[in-house]
Amino acid sequence: MNTKKIAIIGGGNLGAAIAEGLLKSGFATPQQITVTRRNLSRLQALKDQGVTVTDNNKAAIETSDVIIVALKPYNVMEVLEGLKNSFDPKKHIVISVVTGIFLKDLTSIIDHGMAIFRAMPNTAIAIQESVTCLCQSNATESQNQYVTELFNQLGISIIIDEKLMDAATVLGACGIAYALRFIRAATQGGIEIGFDAKTANLIAAQTVKGAAELLLKGNRHPEEEIDKVTTPKGCTIVGLNEMEHRGFSSSLIRGIGASYNKILS
């Protein structure tokens, strides 16, 4: 059972979604969570559930055990510089969910030998279906387990080397958009062959969800499941081959590569 108090510094869309997910999963009670933001009216829904909301980052940090930093990339270093004396290496675990901020950036301000994590979730965290990639500095095994369990409440979590964080951003975070574009295209195809837009979208979305669950729950390779529905001279293989002739797989691979190169540039 989680007994730690959690402060989320930055109650924007991501910070608020994390708080909601931790509450819905039962990982933390409202009394264990503090969320900070300048405009507190945006946190009214959390406040109504019993969560402490405040614009005082210093007090939130000093009264909590786990600090989730969910600030904007452009001001995170400045804000942390002003708060660095509030962190206690004997007490705190720090988790940054800020895109583009490296562990070395964080440790340059708030090191003190403290456990510091970097987390890369995606927007499905809002419905507790994110894949969150994690890396860390100075963490013990028990701290690793705690942070992994925390993000498992919001989907699944995977510990990776920090050098793969940019790749994780593309595959996991940008990947949401790639998957949605596939669903949108499938919906348009469904309309062309006779469905209304709402029904086509529902069929396409649920089909993608089912395909993903087959892989996740069965621990199978995609080709294993593809083989089950591609009968000789059947309509599935004809459609797949036409897509491949038009560059379906290669276009997706090239798109992932283009996104990755953009991050590196």
C-alpha atoms as a PDB file:
ATOM      1  CA  MET A   1       0.000   0.000   0.000  1.00  0.00           C
ATOM      2  CA  ASN A   2       1.250   3.469  -0.909  1.00  0.00           C
ATOM      3  CA  THR A   3       1.889   5.568   2.194  1.00  0.00           C
ATOM      4  CA  LYS A   4       3.832   8.371   0.532  1.00  0.00           C
ATOM      5  CA  LYS A   5       2.517  11.880  -0.034  1.00  0.00           C
ATOM      6  CA  ILE A   6       2.756  13.024  -3.644  1.00  0.00           C
ATOM      7  CA  ALA A   7       3.188  16.597  -4.868  1.00  0.00           C
ATOM      8  CA  ILE A   8       2.569  17.380  -8.533  1.00  0.00           C
ATOM      9  CA  ILE A   9       4.332  20.633  -9.371  1.00  0.00           C
ATOM     10  CA  GLY A  10       2.450  21.993 -12.358  1.00  0.00           C
ATOM     11  CA  GLY A  11      -1.231  21.157 -12.567  1.00  0.00           C
ATOM     12  CA  GLY A  12      -1.669  21.532 -16.326  1.00  0.00           C
ATOM     13  CA  ASN A  13      -3.240  18.869 -18.530  1.00  0.00           C
ATOM     14  CA  LEU A  14      -0.561  16.261 -17.832  1.00  0.00           C
ATOM     15  CA  GLY A  15      -0.186  16.994 -14.124  1.00  0.00           C
ATOM     16  CA  ALA A  16      -3.940  16.926 -13.572  1.00  0.00           C
ATOM     17  CA  ALA A  17      -4.270  13.693 -15.590  1.00  0.00           C
ATOM     18  CA  ILE A  18      -1.650  12.021 -13.396  1.00  0.00           C
ATOM     19  CA  ALA A  19      -3.509  13.095 -10.273  1.00  0.00           C
ATOM     20  CA  GLU A  20      -6.822  11.808 -11.648  1.00  0.00           C
ATOM     21  CA  GLY A  21      -5.272   8.482 -12.607  1.00  0.00           C
ATOM     22  CA  LEU A  22      -3.699   7.954  -9.196  1.00  0.00           C
ATOM     23  CA  LEU A  23      -7.044   8.678  -7.553  1.00  0.00           C
ATOM     24  CA  LYS A  24      -9.102   6.447  -9.871  1.00  0.00           C
ATOM     25  CA  SER A  25      -6.685   3.548  -9.451  1.00  0.00           C
ATOM     26  CA  GLY A  26      -6.756   3.830  -5.660  1.00  0.00           C
ATOM     27  CA  PHE A  27      -2.950   4.154  -5.564  1.00  0.00           C
ATOM     28  CA  ALA A  28      -3.299   7.383  -3.574  1.00  0.00           C
ATOM     29  CA  THR A  29      -6.065   9.002  -1.579  1.00  0.00           C
ATOM     30  CA  PRO A  30      -7.020  12.649  -2.118  1.00  0.00           C
ATOM     31  CA  GLN A  31      -5.338  13.470   1.194  1.00  0.00           C
ATOM     32  CA  GLN A  32      -2.033  12.119  -0.140  1.00  0.00           C
ATOM     33  CA  ILE A  33      -1.939  14.351  -3.221  1.00  0.00           C
ATOM     34  CA  THR A  34      -1.056  18.020  -3.579  1.00  0.00           C
ATOM     35  CA  VAL A  35      -1.218  19.760  -6.964  1.00  0.00           C
ATOM     36  CA  THR A  36       0.187  23.220  -7.654  1.00  0.00           C
ATOM     37  CA  ARG A  37      -0.771  25.794 -10.249  1.00  0.00           C
ATOM     38  CA  ARG A  38      -0.922  29.579 -10.449  1.00  0.00           C
ATOM     39  CA  ASN A  39      -4.541  29.569 -11.592  1.00  0.00           C
ATOM     40  CA  LEU A  40      -6.206  27.443  -8.928  1.00  0.00           C
ATOM     41  CA  SER A  41      -9.653  27.667 -10.541  1.00  0.00           C
ATOM     42  CA  ARG A  42      -8.403  25.185 -13.165  1.00  0.00           C
ATOM     43  CA  LEU A  43      -7.949  22.626 -10.378  1.00  0.00           C
ATOM     44  CA  GLN A  44     -11.437  22.913  -8.932  1.00  0.00           C
ATOM     45  CA  ALA A  45     -12.420  19.378  -9.979  1.00  0.00           C
ATOM     46  CA  LEU A  46      -9.474  17.941  -8.046  1.00  0.00           C
ATOM     47  CA  LYS A  47     -10.159  20.191  -5.068  1.00  0.00           C
ATOM     48  CA  ASP A  48     -13.777  18.977  -5.003  1.00  0.00           C
ATOM     49  CA  GLN A  49     -12.430  15.416  -4.621  1.00  0.00           C
ATOM     50  CA  GLY A  50     -10.377  16.398  -1.575  1.00  0.00           C
ATOM     51  CA  VAL A  51      -7.008  16.971  -3.246  1.00  0.00           C
ATOM     52  CA  THR A  52      -4.924  19.817  -1.822  1.00  0.00           C
ATOM     53  CA  VAL A  53      -4.454  22.512  -4.458  1.00  0.00           C
ATOM     54  CA  THR A  54      -2.081  25.415  -3.933  1.00  0.00           C
ATOM     55  CA  ASP A  55       0.086  27.960  -5.707  1.00  0.00           C
ATOM     56  CA  ASN A  56       2.865  27.443  -3.147  1.00  0.00           C
ATOM     57  CA  ASN A  57       5.411  25.077  -4.728  1.00  0.00           C
ATOM     58  CA  LYS A  58       7.783  25.306  -1.774  1.00  0.00           C
ATOM     59  CA  ALA A  59       5.190  24.191   0.772  1.00  0.00           C
ATOM     60  CA  ALA A  60       3.972  21.398  -1.523  1.00  0.00           C
ATOM     61  CA  ILE A  61       7.486  19.994  -1.850  1.00  0.00           C
ATOM     62  CA  GLU A  62       8.366  20.243   1.819  1.00  0.00           C
ATOM     63  CA  THR A  63       5.198  18.432   2.940  1.00  0.00           C
ATOM     64  CA  SER A  64       5.472  15.574   0.415  1.00  0.00           C
ATOM     65  CA  ASP A  65       7.670  12.533  -0.219  1.00  0.00           C
ATOM     66  CA  VAL A  66       7.394  12.164  -3.998  1.00  0.00           C
ATOM     67  CA  ILE A  67       7.715  15.202  -6.229  1.00  0.00           C
ATOM     68  CA  ILE A  68       6.379  14.947  -9.792  1.00  0.00           C
ATOM     69  CA  VAL A  69       7.618  17.875 -11.847  1.00  0.00           C
ATOM     70  CA  ALA A  70       5.111  18.610 -14.627  1.00  0.00           C
ATOM     71  CA  LEU A  71       6.095  22.162 -15.521  1.00  0.00           C
ATOM     72  CA  LYS A  72       6.518  23.598 -19.012  1.00  0.00           C
ATOM     73  CA  PRO A  73       9.957  22.959 -20.568  1.00  0.00           C
ATOM     74  CA  TYR A  74      10.692  26.656 -21.004  1.00  0.00           C
ATOM     75  CA  ASN A  75      10.491  27.528 -17.308  1.00  0.00           C
ATOM     76  CA  VAL A  76      11.248  24.303 -15.456  1.00  0.00           C
ATOM     77  CA  MET A  77      14.925  25.046 -14.806  1.00  0.00           C
ATOM     78  CA  GLU A  78      14.222  28.548 -13.524  1.00  0.00           C
ATOM     79  CA  VAL A  79      11.491  27.308 -11.194  1.00  0.00           C
ATOM     80  CA  LEU A  80      13.641  24.451  -9.853  1.00  0.00           C
ATOM     81  CA  GLU A  81      16.547  26.825  -9.261  1.00  0.00           C
ATOM     82  CA  GLY A  82      14.310  28.835  -6.945  1.00  0.00           C
ATOM     83  CA  LEU A  83      13.143  25.692  -5.143  1.00  0.00           C
ATOM     84  CA  LYS A  84      16.406  23.717  -4.889  1.00  0.00           C
ATOM     85  CA  ASN A  85      16.787  24.261  -1.138  1.00  0.00           C
ATOM     86  CA  SER A  86      13.343  22.719  -0.521  1.00  0.00           C
ATOM     87  CA  PHE A  87      14.459  19.256  -1.657  1.00  0.00           C
ATOM     88  CA  ASP A  88      15.626  16.763   0.949  1.00  0.00           C
ATOM     89  CA  PRO A  89      17.841  13.914  -0.346  1.00  0.00           C
ATOM     90  CA  LYS A  90      16.963  11.759   2.681  1.00  0.00           C
ATOM     91  CA  LYS A  91      13.236  12.075   2.006  1.00  0.00           C
ATOM     92  CA  HIS A  92      12.380  12.906  -1.570  1.00  0.00           C
ATOM     93  CA  ILE A  93      11.993  11.028  -4.833  1.00  0.00           C
ATOM     94  CA  VAL A  94      11.865  13.436  -7.773  1.00  0.00           C
ATOM     95  CA  ILE A  95      10.156  12.492 -11.048  1.00  0.00           C
ATOM     96  CA  SER A  96      10.256  14.777 -14.072  1.00  0.00           C
ATOM     97  CA  VAL A  97       7.697  14.317 -16.848  1.00  0.00           C
ATOM     98  CA  VAL A  98       9.019  17.357 -18.717  1.00  0.00           C
ATOM     99  CA  THR A  99       9.902  16.725 -22.366  1.00  0.00           C
ATOM    100  CA  GLY A 100      13.483  17.491 -23.369  1.00  0.00           C
ATOM    101  CA  ILE A 101      14.860  17.929 -19.843  1.00  0.00           C
ATOM    102  CA  PHE A 102      17.651  15.436 -19.197  1.00  0.00           C
ATOM    103  CA  LEU A 103      18.755  13.848 -15.939  1.00  0.00           C
ATOM    104  CA  LYS A 104      21.982  15.862 -16.109  1.00  0.00           C
ATOM    105  CA  ASP A 105      19.917  19.059 -16.308  1.00  0.00           C
ATOM    106  CA  LEU A 106      17.976  18.095 -13.196  1.00  0.00           C
ATOM    107  CA  THR A 107      20.992  16.922 -11.222  1.00  0.00           C
ATOM    108  CA  SER A 108      22.828  20.164 -12.029  1.00  0.00           C
ATOM    109  CA  ILE A 109      20.294  21.935  -9.794  1.00  0.00           C
ATOM    110  CA  ILE A 110      18.790  19.451  -7.342  1.00  0.00           C
ATOM    111  CA  ASP A 111      21.355  16.648  -7.112  1.00  0.00           C
ATOM    112  CA  HIS A 112      22.299  16.242  -3.407  1.00  0.00           C
ATOM    113  CA  GLY A 113      22.523  12.467  -4.136  1.00  0.00           C
ATOM    114  CA  MET A 114      18.737  12.300  -4.405  1.00  0.00           C
ATOM    115  CA  ALA A 115      16.814   9.736  -6.462  1.00  0.00           C
ATOM    116  CA  ILE A 116      15.776  11.491  -9.675  1.00  0.00           C
ATOM    117  CA  PHE A 117      13.633   9.917 -12.391  1.00  0.00           C
ATOM    118  CA  ARG A 118      12.737  11.013 -15.878  1.00  0.00           C
ATOM    119  CA  ALA A 119       9.402   9.738 -17.206  1.00  0.00           C
ATOM    120  CA  MET A 120       7.961   9.893 -20.730  1.00  0.00           C
ATOM    121  CA  PRO A 121       4.218   9.090 -20.767  1.00  0.00           C
ATOM    122  CA  ASN A 122       1.787   9.676 -23.622  1.00  0.00           C
ATOM    123  CA  THR A 123      -1.627  11.348 -23.751  1.00  0.00           C
ATOM    124  CA  ALA A 124      -3.437   8.069 -23.014  1.00  0.00           C
ATOM    125  CA  ILE A 125      -2.336   8.661 -19.426  1.00  0.00           C
ATOM    126  CA  ALA A 126      -5.616  10.585 -19.111  1.00  0.00           C
ATOM    127  CA  ILE A 127      -7.506   7.263 -19.298  1.00  0.00           C
ATOM    128  CA  GLN A 128      -4.870   5.170 -17.496  1.00  0.00           C
ATOM    129  CA  GLU A 129      -3.675   3.552 -20.739  1.00  0.00           C
ATOM    130  CA  SER A 130      -0.283   5.209 -21.219  1.00  0.00           C
ATOM    131  CA  VAL A 131       3.016   3.532 -21.924  1.00  0.00           C
ATOM    132  CA  THR A 132       5.522   5.399 -19.766  1.00  0.00           C
ATOM    133  CA  CYS A 133       9.263   5.010 -20.283  1.00  0.00           C
ATOM    134  CA  LEU A 134      11.471   5.596 -17.244  1.00  0.00           C
ATOM    135  CA  CYS A 135      15.139   6.200 -16.513  1.00  0.00           C
ATOM    136  CA  GLN A 136      16.787   7.276 -13.277  1.00  0.00           C
ATOM    137  CA  SER A 137      19.797   8.520 -11.370  1.00  0.00           C
ATOM    138  CA  ASN A 138      20.769   7.519  -7.805  1.00  0.00           C
ATOM    139  CA  ALA A 139      17.662   5.382  -7.227  1.00  0.00           C
ATOM    140  CA  THR A 140      17.593   2.284  -5.059  1.00  0.00           C
ATOM    141  CA  GLU A 141      15.819  -0.899  -6.114  1.00  0.00           C
ATOM    142  CA  SER A 142      12.882  -0.123  -3.826  1.00  0.00           C
ATOM    143  CA  GLN A 143      12.596   3.374  -5.302  1.00  0.00           C
ATOM    144  CA  ASN A 144      12.661   1.885  -8.800  1.00  0.00           C
ATOM    145  CA  GLN A 145       9.875  -0.474  -7.825  1.00  0.00           C
ATOM    146  CA  TYR A 146       7.809   2.320  -6.301  1.00  0.00           C
ATOM    147  CA  VAL A 147       8.018   4.603  -9.350  1.00  0.00           C
ATOM    148  CA  THR A 148       7.332   1.692 -11.707  1.00  0.00           C
ATOM    149  CA  GLU A 149       4.259   0.760  -9.683  1.00  0.00           C
ATOM    150  CA  LEU A 150       3.092   4.382  -9.633  1.00  0.00           C
ATOM    151  CA  PHE A 151       3.130   4.627 -13.430  1.00  0.00           C
ATOM    152  CA  ASN A 152       1.660   1.149 -13.788  1.00  0.00           C
ATOM    153  CA  GLN A 153      -1.489   2.690 -12.317  1.00  0.00           C
ATOM    154  CA  LEU A 154      -1.593   4.917 -15.384  1.00  0.00           C
ATOM    155  CA  GLY A 155      -1.019   2.191 -17.984  1.00  0.00           C
ATOM    156  CA  ILE A 156       2.248   0.282 -18.226  1.00  0.00           C
ATOM    157  CA  SER A 157       5.805   1.409 -17.508  1.00  0.00           C
ATOM    158  CA  ILE A 158       9.125   0.343 -18.993  1.00  0.00           C
ATOM    159  CA  ILE A 159      12.600   1.150 -17.663  1.00  0.00           C
ATOM    160  CA  ILE A 160      14.991   2.140 -20.463  1.00  0.00           C
ATOM    161  CA  ASP A 161      18.384   3.812 -20.888  1.00  0.00           C
ATOM    162  CA  GLU A 162      18.129   7.581 -21.091  1.00  0.00           C
ATOM    163  CA  LYS A 163      19.784   7.527 -24.521  1.00  0.00           C
ATOM    164  CA  LEU A 164      16.551   5.928 -25.792  1.00  0.00           C
ATOM    165  CA  MET A 165      14.259   8.632 -24.405  1.00  0.00           C
ATOM    166  CA  ASP A 166      14.066  10.496 -27.730  1.00  0.00           C
ATOM    167  CA  ALA A 167      13.186   7.248 -29.447  1.00  0.00           C
ATOM    168  CA  ALA A 168      10.563   6.576 -26.755  1.00  0.00           C
ATOM    169  CA  THR A 169       9.062  10.007 -27.440  1.00  0.00           C
ATOM    170  CA  VAL A 170       8.622   9.123 -31.111  1.00  0.00           C
ATOM    171  CA  LEU A 171       7.375   5.557 -30.708  1.00  0.00           C
ATOM    172  CA  GLY A 172       5.218   6.070 -27.611  1.00  0.00           C
ATOM    173  CA  ALA A 173       4.147   9.720 -27.605  1.00  0.00           C
ATOM    174  CA  CYS A 174       4.116  10.600 -31.326  1.00  0.00           C
ATOM    175  CA  GLY A 175       2.889   7.053 -31.873  1.00  0.00           C
ATOM    176  CA  ILE A 176      -0.533   8.015 -30.510  1.00  0.00           C
ATOM    177  CA  ALA A 177      -0.941  10.337 -33.502  1.00  0.00           C
ATOM    178  CA  TYR A 178       0.244   7.655 -35.930  1.00  0.00           C
ATOM    179  CA  ALA A 179      -2.308   5.180 -34.578  1.00  0.00           C
ATOM    180  CA  LEU A 180      -5.082   7.775 -34.689  1.00  0.00           C
ATOM    181  CA  ARG A 181      -4.228   8.629 -38.284  1.00  0.00           C
ATOM    182  CA  PHE A 182      -4.588   4.934 -39.167  1.00  0.00           C
ATOM    183  CA  ILE A 183      -8.005   4.868 -37.474  1.00  0.00           C
ATOM    184  CA  ARG A 184      -9.023   8.009 -39.326  1.00  0.00           C
ATOM    185  CA  ALA A 185      -7.981   6.512 -42.674  1.00  0.00           C
ATOM    186  CA  ALA A 186      -9.761   3.239 -41.880  1.00  0.00           C
ATOM    187  CA  THR A 187     -12.881   5.229 -40.979  1.00  0.00           C
ATOM    188  CA  GLN A 188     -12.760   7.016 -44.337  1.00  0.00           C
ATOM    189  CA  GLY A 189     -12.425   3.664 -46.074  1.00  0.00           C
ATOM    190  CA  GLY A 190     -15.378   2.368 -44.090  1.00  0.00           C
ATOM    191  CA  ILE A 191     -17.500   5.295 -45.219  1.00  0.00           C
ATOM    192  CA  GLU A 192     -16.527   4.606 -48.827  1.00  0.00           C
ATOM    193  CA  ILE A 193     -17.797   1.027 -48.591  1.00  0.00           C
ATOM    194  CA  GLY A 194     -21.112   1.965 -47.008  1.00  0.00           C
ATOM    195  CA  PHE A 195     -20.956   2.823 -43.278  1.00  0.00           C
ATOM    196  CA  ASP A 196     -21.941   6.132 -41.764  1.00  0.00           C
ATOM    197  CA  ALA A 197     -19.021   8.038 -40.185  1.00  0.00           C
ATOM    198  CA  LYS A 198     -19.930   7.286 -36.568  1.00  0.00           C
ATOM    199  CA  THR A 199     -20.287   3.546 -37.107  1.00  0.00           C
ATOM    200  CA  ALA A 200     -17.148   3.328 -39.243  1.00  0.00           C
ATOM    201  CA  ASN A 201     -15.131   5.159 -36.585  1.00  0.00           C
ATOM    202  CA  LEU A 202     -16.422   2.862 -33.838  1.00  0.00           C
ATOM    203  CA  ILE A 203     -15.590  -0.291 -35.800  1.00  0.00           C
ATOM    204  CA  ALA A 204     -12.117   0.985 -36.733  1.00  0.00           C
ATOM    205  CA  ALA A 205     -11.242   2.135 -33.208  1.00  0.00           C
ATOM    206  CA  GLN A 206     -12.456  -1.039 -31.499  1.00  0.00           C
ATOM    207  CA  THR A 207     -10.665  -3.186 -34.081  1.00  0.00           C
ATOM    208  CA  VAL A 208      -7.368  -1.432 -33.355  1.00  0.00           C
ATOM    209  CA  LYS A 209      -7.972  -1.803 -29.623  1.00  0.00           C
ATOM    210  CA  GLY A 210      -8.678  -5.513 -30.059  1.00  0.00           C
ATOM    211  CA  ALA A 211      -5.582  -6.013 -32.209  1.00  0.00           C
ATOM    212  CA  ALA A 212      -3.415  -4.365 -29.563  1.00  0.00           C
ATOM    213  CA  GLU A 213      -4.917  -6.493 -26.793  1.00  0.00           C
ATOM    214  CA  LEU A 214      -4.206  -9.680 -28.780  1.00  0.00           C
ATOM    215  CA  LEU A 215      -0.509  -8.776 -28.756  1.00  0.00           C
ATOM    216  CA  LEU A 216      -0.352  -7.511 -25.167  1.00  0.00           C
ATOM    217  CA  LYS A 217      -2.347 -10.296 -23.529  1.00  0.00           C
ATOM    218  CA  GLY A 218      -1.073 -13.104 -25.724  1.00  0.00           C
ATOM    219  CA  ASN A 219       2.545 -11.886 -25.867  1.00  0.00           C
ATOM    220  CA  ARG A 220       2.552 -12.639 -29.581  1.00  0.00           C
ATOM    221  CA  HIS A 221       4.265 -11.207 -32.646  1.00  0.00           C
ATOM    222  CA  PRO A 222       1.931  -9.261 -35.004  1.00  0.00           C
ATOM    223  CA  GLU A 223       2.597 -11.686 -37.870  1.00  0.00           C
ATOM    224  CA  GLU A 224       1.209 -14.562 -35.813  1.00  0.00           C
ATOM    225  CA  GLU A 225      -2.156 -12.832 -35.599  1.00  0.00           C
ATOM    226  CA  ILE A 226      -2.019 -11.615 -39.192  1.00  0.00           C
ATOM    227  CA  ASP A 227      -1.533 -15.210 -40.373  1.00  0.00           C
ATOM    228  CA  LYS A 228      -4.766 -16.220 -38.619  1.00  0.00           C
ATOM    229  CA  VAL A 229      -6.874 -13.929 -40.796  1.00  0.00           C
ATOM    230  CA  THR A 230      -5.066 -14.214 -44.134  1.00  0.00           C
ATOM    231  CA  THR A 231      -6.585 -17.196 -45.910  1.00  0.00           C
ATOM    232  CA  PRO A 232      -5.367 -18.234 -49.397  1.00  0.00           C
ATOM    233  CA  LYS A 233      -6.880 -16.029 -52.121  1.00  0.00           C
ATOM    234  CA  GLY A 234      -8.880 -14.238 -49.405  1.00  0.00           C
ATOM    235  CA  CYS A 235      -9.890 -10.595 -49.152  1.00  0.00           C
ATOM    236  CA  THR A 236      -7.485  -9.861 -46.259  1.00  0.00           C
ATOM    237  CA  ILE A 237      -4.292 -10.785 -48.102  1.00  0.00           C
ATOM    238  CA  VAL A 238      -5.430  -8.905 -51.194  1.00  0.00           C
ATOM    239  CA  GLY A 239      -5.956  -5.780 -49.117  1.00  0.00           C
ATOM    240  CA  LEU A 240      -2.671  -6.154 -47.242  1.00  0.00           C
ATOM    241  CA  ASN A 241      -0.699  -6.668 -50.431  1.00  0.00           C
ATOM    242  CA  GLU A 242      -2.285  -3.635 -52.061  1.00  0.00           C
ATOM    243  CA  MET A 243      -1.361  -1.527 -49.014  1.00  0.00           C
ATOM    244  CA  GLU A 244       2.223  -2.782 -49.161  1.00  0.00           C
ATOM    245  CA  HIS A 245       2.414  -2.062 -52.900  1.00  0.00           C
ATOM    246  CA  ARG A 246       1.395   1.507 -52.010  1.00  0.00           C
ATOM    247  CA  GLY A 247       4.108   1.762 -49.363  1.00  0.00           C
ATOM    248  CA  PHE A 248       2.125   1.228 -46.166  1.00  0.00           C
ATOM    249  CA  SER A 249       4.873  -0.232 -43.952  1.00  0.00           C
ATOM    250  CA  SER A 250       7.700   1.745 -45.520  1.00  0.00           C
ATOM    251  CA  SER A 251       5.768   5.012 -45.131  1.00  0.00           C
ATOM    252  CA  LEU A 252       5.189   4.335 -41.456  1.00  0.00           C
ATOM    253  CA  ILE A 253       8.827   3.425 -40.858  1.00  0.00           C
ATOM    254  CA  ARG A 254       9.989   6.524 -42.739  1.00  0.00           C
ATOM    255  CA  GLY A 255       7.593   8.681 -40.734  1.00  0.00           C
ATOM    256  CA  ILE A 256       8.976   7.363 -37.437  1.00  0.00           C
ATOM    257  CA  GLY A 257      12.486   8.040 -38.693  1.00  0.00           C
ATOM    258  CA  ALA A 258      11.555  11.568 -39.776  1.00  0.00           C
ATOM    259  CA  SER A 259      10.086  12.365 -36.366  1.00  0.00           C
ATOM    260  CA  TYR A 260      13.195  11.025 -34.649  1.00  0.00           C
ATOM    261  CA  ASN A 261      15.506  13.068 -36.876  1.00  0.00           C
ATOM    262  CA  LYS A 262      13.447  16.175 -36.102  1.00  0.00           C
ATOM    263  CA  ILE A 263      14.016  15.675 -32.359  1.00  0.00           C
ATOM    264  CA  LEU A 264      17.758  15.303 -32.926  1.00  0.00           C
ATOM    265  CA  SER A 265      18.039  18.365 -35.162  1.00  0.00           C
END
